[in-house]
């Protein structure tokens, strides 16, 4: 499972990992299930792989994608809000 792989192992494939998830959030009105899967996958990965939390590893997500994720903090769906809150909790350094 990807969430058990060390960040150093996943680092070379980080763009491909995020590119595989992008279609789930790319729509102007993504389906709730797509959002849940996207956020679950993102939350299972070390934020260093996608968020630009390390100086030596730039962010992979585009600004619009980050805006959409942050906007989900105001979702009517409590489960989606909780998933967004947990996206930065993974730590596998």
Protein backbone atom coordinates (compact mmCIF):
# COMPACT_ATOMS: atom_id res chain seq x y z
CA UNK A 1 0.00 0.00 0.00
CA UNK A 2 1.29 3.46 -0.87
CA UNK A 3 0.65 4.86 2.58
CA UNK A 4 3.18 2.38 4.00
CA UNK A 5 5.91 3.22 1.50
CA UNK A 6 8.64 5.59 2.68
CA UNK A 7 8.48 9.11 1.26
CA UNK A 8 11.95 8.72 -0.28
CA UNK A 9 10.71 5.75 -2.32
CA UNK A 10 7.60 7.57 -3.56
CA UNK A 11 9.32 10.89 -4.27
CA UNK A 12 10.34 10.08 -7.88
CA UNK A 13 6.75 9.03 -8.71
CA UNK A 14 4.96 11.88 -6.92
CA UNK A 15 3.84 13.70 -10.06
CA UNK A 16 2.42 10.49 -11.54
CA UNK A 17 0.62 9.74 -8.27
CA UNK A 18 -1.03 13.15 -8.15
CA UNK A 19 -1.77 13.11 -11.91
CA UNK A 20 -3.71 9.88 -11.36
CA UNK A 21 -5.84 11.65 -8.71
CA UNK A 22 -6.39 14.94 -10.58
CA UNK A 23 -9.45 13.82 -12.59
CA UNK A 24 -11.29 13.21 -9.32
CA UNK A 25 -11.21 16.92 -8.43
CA UNK A 26 -10.88 18.50 -11.89
CA UNK A 27 -14.61 18.86 -12.53
CA UNK A 28 -16.28 22.14 -11.57
CA UNK A 29 -18.76 20.03 -9.57
CA UNK A 30 -17.03 16.77 -8.62
CA UNK A 31 -19.17 13.93 -7.30
CA UNK A 32 -19.02 13.52 -3.51
CA UNK A 33 -17.60 10.01 -3.88
CA UNK A 34 -14.82 11.35 -6.13
CA UNK A 35 -13.97 14.00 -3.55
CA UNK A 36 -13.89 11.40 -0.80
CA UNK A 37 -11.55 9.12 -2.79
CA UNK A 38 -9.31 12.07 -3.76
CA UNK A 39 -9.04 13.30 -0.18
CA UNK A 40 -8.54 9.78 1.20
CA UNK A 41 -5.67 9.14 -1.21
CA UNK A 42 -4.12 12.54 -0.57
CA UNK A 43 -4.41 12.02 3.18
CA UNK A 44 -2.63 8.66 2.92
CA UNK A 45 0.43 10.29 1.36
CA UNK A 46 3.09 12.29 3.13
CA UNK A 47 2.29 15.99 2.45
CA UNK A 48 5.92 16.42 1.34
CA UNK A 49 4.94 14.51 -1.81
CA UNK A 50 2.28 17.00 -2.90
CA UNK A 51 2.10 20.13 -0.73
CA UNK A 52 5.54 21.66 -1.08
CA UNK A 53 6.22 21.41 2.65
CA UNK A 54 9.94 20.81 2.07
CA UNK A 55 12.27 23.33 0.45
CA UNK A 56 13.84 20.64 -1.74
CA UNK A 57 10.49 19.29 -3.01
CA UNK A 58 8.23 21.77 -4.80
CA UNK A 59 4.45 21.52 -4.62
CA UNK A 60 2.79 19.31 -7.24
CA UNK A 61 -0.75 20.64 -6.88
CA UNK A 62 -1.73 23.69 -8.91
CA UNK A 63 -3.08 26.80 -7.18
CA UNK A 64 -6.63 26.15 -8.39
CA UNK A 65 -6.50 22.61 -7.01
CA UNK A 66 -5.36 23.90 -3.63
CA UNK A 67 -8.17 26.49 -3.68
CA UNK A 68 -10.71 23.74 -4.36
CA UNK A 69 -9.38 21.63 -1.52
CA UNK A 70 -9.42 24.57 0.91
CA UNK A 71 -12.94 25.43 -0.27
CA UNK A 72 -14.05 21.96 0.76
CA UNK A 73 -13.54 23.02 4.38
CA UNK A 74 -16.91 24.75 3.92
CA UNK A 75 -18.60 21.72 2.37
CA UNK A 76 -22.07 20.81 3.58
CA UNK A 77 -20.81 17.23 3.89
CA UNK A 78 -19.28 16.71 7.33
CA UNK A 79 -17.27 13.70 6.12
CA UNK A 80 -15.65 15.75 3.34
CA UNK A 81 -14.77 18.52 5.81
CA UNK A 82 -13.15 15.97 8.12
CA UNK A 83 -11.17 14.46 5.23
CA UNK A 84 -9.86 17.89 4.23
CA UNK A 85 -8.81 18.54 7.83
CA UNK A 86 -6.86 15.28 7.85
CA UNK A 87 -4.99 15.69 4.55
CA UNK A 88 -1.86 17.06 6.16
CA UNK A 89 -1.69 14.51 8.99
CA UNK A 90 0.30 11.79 7.25
CA UNK A 91 3.92 11.62 8.36
CA UNK A 92 6.27 9.04 6.93
CA UNK A 93 9.59 10.87 6.86
